[in-house]
């Protein structure tokens, strides 16, 4: 994988064939990494975002869009990398800050309902699982239904 100052990254096959062009950053890319299991790619840019991509397995003439974009609002990202287990990302920002992004849940039990809504990979994101937990613990879906039931009819 290569990254460049023109805000693009490229993924290459071992024989030198271009597999995919990763687009979406607005400024130069300073880091491009493979996850420890090889399924995911990470790019970090001066535009302040860290993007996660599914690793392409076959050549494509269409630009690849990121699976997930993380913005820390701390200026440009000088460096980022996966943790050794691939569940988190560390990102160093130009504004003398570092963020640790937890990507994947540690829960090994598949949630079929979340998979139906978000897809298999996104349902594993820690953010999705935490949002679901927060919603359930605070009974937000019940409050929404109660407020809809209590609302006067609109004429």
Protein backbone atom coordinates (compact mmCIF):
# COMPACT_ATOMS: atom_id res chain seq x y z
CA UNK A 1 0.00 0.00 0.00
CA UNK A 2 1.26 3.47 -0.83
CA UNK A 3 0.10 6.88 0.34
CA UNK A 4 0.79 10.23 -1.22
CA UNK A 5 0.66 13.98 -0.87
CA UNK A 6 -2.28 14.16 -3.33
CA UNK A 7 -4.69 12.76 -0.67
CA UNK A 8 -4.87 9.30 -2.24
CA UNK A 9 -3.65 5.87 -1.22
CA UNK A 10 -3.20 2.92 -3.52
CA UNK A 11 -3.31 -0.80 -2.78
CA UNK A 12 -1.10 -2.98 -4.94
CA UNK A 13 -0.89 -6.71 -5.61
CA UNK A 14 2.46 -8.43 -5.14
CA UNK A 15 2.95 -8.46 -8.93
CA UNK A 16 2.57 -4.64 -9.07
CA UNK A 17 -1.05 -4.58 -10.28
CA UNK A 18 -3.10 -1.73 -8.85
CA UNK A 19 -5.95 -3.28 -6.84
CA UNK A 20 -7.66 -0.11 -5.66
CA UNK A 21 -7.36 3.61 -5.20
CA UNK A 22 -8.58 4.81 -1.80
CA UNK A 23 -10.19 8.24 -2.02
CA UNK A 24 -11.91 10.52 0.45
CA UNK A 25 -9.17 12.43 2.25
CA UNK A 26 -8.98 16.17 1.61
CA UNK A 27 -5.23 16.60 2.25
CA UNK A 28 -1.98 14.62 2.19
CA UNK A 29 -1.87 11.17 3.76
CA UNK A 30 0.84 10.63 6.37
CA UNK A 31 0.20 7.01 7.36
CA UNK A 32 -1.12 3.91 5.62
CA UNK A 33 -1.22 0.61 7.53
CA UNK A 34 -2.60 -2.92 7.35
CA UNK A 35 -4.46 -4.37 10.35
CA UNK A 36 -2.73 -7.29 12.10
CA UNK A 37 -5.18 -9.78 10.52
CA UNK A 38 -4.76 -8.17 7.06
CA UNK A 39 -8.51 -7.61 6.54
CA UNK A 40 -8.49 -3.85 7.10
CA UNK A 41 -6.49 -0.81 6.01
CA UNK A 42 -5.97 2.46 7.82
CA UNK A 43 -5.05 5.84 6.39
CA UNK A 44 -4.34 8.99 8.40
CA UNK A 45 -4.31 12.44 6.88
CA UNK A 46 -3.41 16.05 7.44
CA UNK A 47 -7.16 16.72 6.95
CA UNK A 48 -7.66 15.43 10.53
CA UNK A 49 -9.30 12.13 9.71
CA UNK A 50 -8.38 8.50 10.15
CA UNK A 51 -10.16 6.24 7.68
CA UNK A 52 -10.69 2.50 7.83
CA UNK A 53 -11.05 0.52 4.60
CA UNK A 54 -11.84 -3.07 3.76
CA UNK A 55 -8.81 -4.61 2.07
CA UNK A 56 -9.59 -5.08 -1.63
CA UNK A 57 -9.06 -8.60 -2.89
CA UNK A 58 -9.50 -8.04 -6.63
CA UNK A 59 -8.62 -5.19 -9.00
CA UNK A 60 -11.24 -2.47 -9.33
CA UNK A 61 -11.43 0.48 -11.70
CA UNK A 62 -13.75 2.34 -9.30
CA UNK A 63 -12.31 4.29 -6.37
CA UNK A 64 -12.85 2.64 -2.99
CA UNK A 65 -14.82 4.49 -0.33
CA UNK A 66 -13.90 4.20 3.33
CA UNK A 67 -15.72 1.82 5.66
CA UNK A 68 -15.42 4.26 8.58
CA UNK A 69 -14.09 7.78 8.98
CA UNK A 70 -12.95 9.04 12.39
CA UNK A 71 -12.38 12.76 12.98
CA UNK A 72 -10.83 13.96 16.23
CA UNK A 73 -11.13 17.70 15.51
CA UNK A 74 -7.55 18.11 16.76
CA UNK A 75 -5.84 19.24 13.58
CA UNK A 76 -4.01 17.01 11.15
CA UNK A 77 -3.11 13.42 11.97
CA UNK A 78 0.66 13.00 12.00
CA UNK A 79 0.62 9.23 12.55
CA UNK A 80 -1.81 6.39 13.25
CA UNK A 81 -1.61 2.63 13.58
CA UNK A 82 -3.60 -0.41 14.68
CA UNK A 83 -3.06 -1.92 18.13
CA UNK A 84 -1.37 -5.35 18.09
CA UNK A 85 -4.76 -7.11 18.43
CA UNK A 86 -6.34 -4.87 15.76
CA UNK A 87 -9.25 -3.84 18.01
CA UNK A 88 -8.11 -0.24 18.49
CA UNK A 89 -6.32 2.56 16.66
CA UNK A 90 -3.93 5.07 18.13
CA UNK A 91 -3.72 8.45 16.38
CA UNK A 92 -1.22 11.26 17.03
CA UNK A 93 -2.40 14.76 16.07
CA UNK A 94 -0.45 17.88 15.22
CA UNK A 95 -2.15 19.73 18.10
CA UNK A 96 -0.10 17.74 20.67
CA UNK A 97 -2.88 15.25 21.31
CA UNK A 98 -3.31 11.52 20.99
CA UNK A 99 -6.56 9.60 20.69
CA UNK A 100 -7.21 5.93 21.13
CA UNK A 101 -10.18 4.79 19.06
CA UNK A 102 -11.72 1.46 20.07
CA UNK A 103 -12.99 -0.14 16.85
CA UNK A 104 -14.27 -3.62 17.53
CA UNK A 105 -16.26 -4.95 20.42
CA UNK A 106 -14.68 -7.67 22.54
CA UNK A 107 -18.04 -9.47 22.54
CA UNK A 108 -17.78 -12.64 20.46
CA UNK A 109 -21.52 -13.25 20.37
CA UNK A 110 -23.07 -12.15 17.08
CA UNK A 111 -26.10 -9.87 17.31
CA UNK A 112 -28.32 -10.89 14.37
CA UNK A 113 -30.65 -7.91 14.86
CA UNK A 114 -27.78 -5.41 14.62
CA UNK A 115 -26.34 -7.33 11.68
CA UNK A 116 -29.68 -7.00 9.86
CA UNK A 117 -29.62 -3.22 10.41
CA UNK A 118 -25.91 -2.42 10.03
CA UNK A 119 -24.39 -5.38 8.20
CA UNK A 120 -22.08 -8.00 9.68
CA UNK A 121 -18.89 -5.92 9.96
CA UNK A 122 -20.47 -2.66 11.15
CA UNK A 123 -22.48 -4.56 13.78
CA UNK A 124 -19.10 -5.50 15.34
CA UNK A 125 -18.09 -1.85 15.77
CA UNK A 126 -17.77 -0.88 19.42
CA UNK A 127 -19.57 2.40 18.70
CA UNK A 128 -22.68 0.60 17.44
CA UNK A 129 -22.72 -1.77 20.41
CA UNK A 130 -22.22 1.10 22.90
CA UNK A 131 -24.99 3.17 21.29
CA UNK A 132 -27.33 0.18 21.49
CA UNK A 133 -26.42 -0.43 25.15
CA UNK A 134 -26.99 3.26 25.98
CA UNK A 135 -30.35 3.26 24.20
CA UNK A 136 -31.50 0.14 26.05
CA UNK A 137 -30.24 1.20 29.49
CA UNK A 138 -31.94 4.57 29.18
CA UNK A 139 -35.06 3.11 27.58
CA UNK A 140 -34.85 5.67 24.78
CA UNK A 141 -36.92 3.62 22.35
CA UNK A 142 -39.68 3.40 25.00
CA UNK A 143 -39.53 7.16 25.65
CA UNK A 144 -39.84 7.85 21.92
CA UNK A 145 -42.94 5.63 21.69
CA UNK A 146 -44.45 7.19 24.86
CA UNK A 147 -43.95 10.73 23.55
CA UNK A 148 -45.48 9.79 20.19
CA UNK A 149 -48.50 8.29 21.96
CA UNK A 150 -48.92 11.37 24.17
CA UNK A 151 -48.63 13.88 21.33
CA UNK A 152 -51.91 15.54 20.31
CA UNK A 153 -53.12 14.72 16.82
CA UNK A 154 -51.91 17.06 14.08
CA UNK A 155 -54.67 18.65 12.06
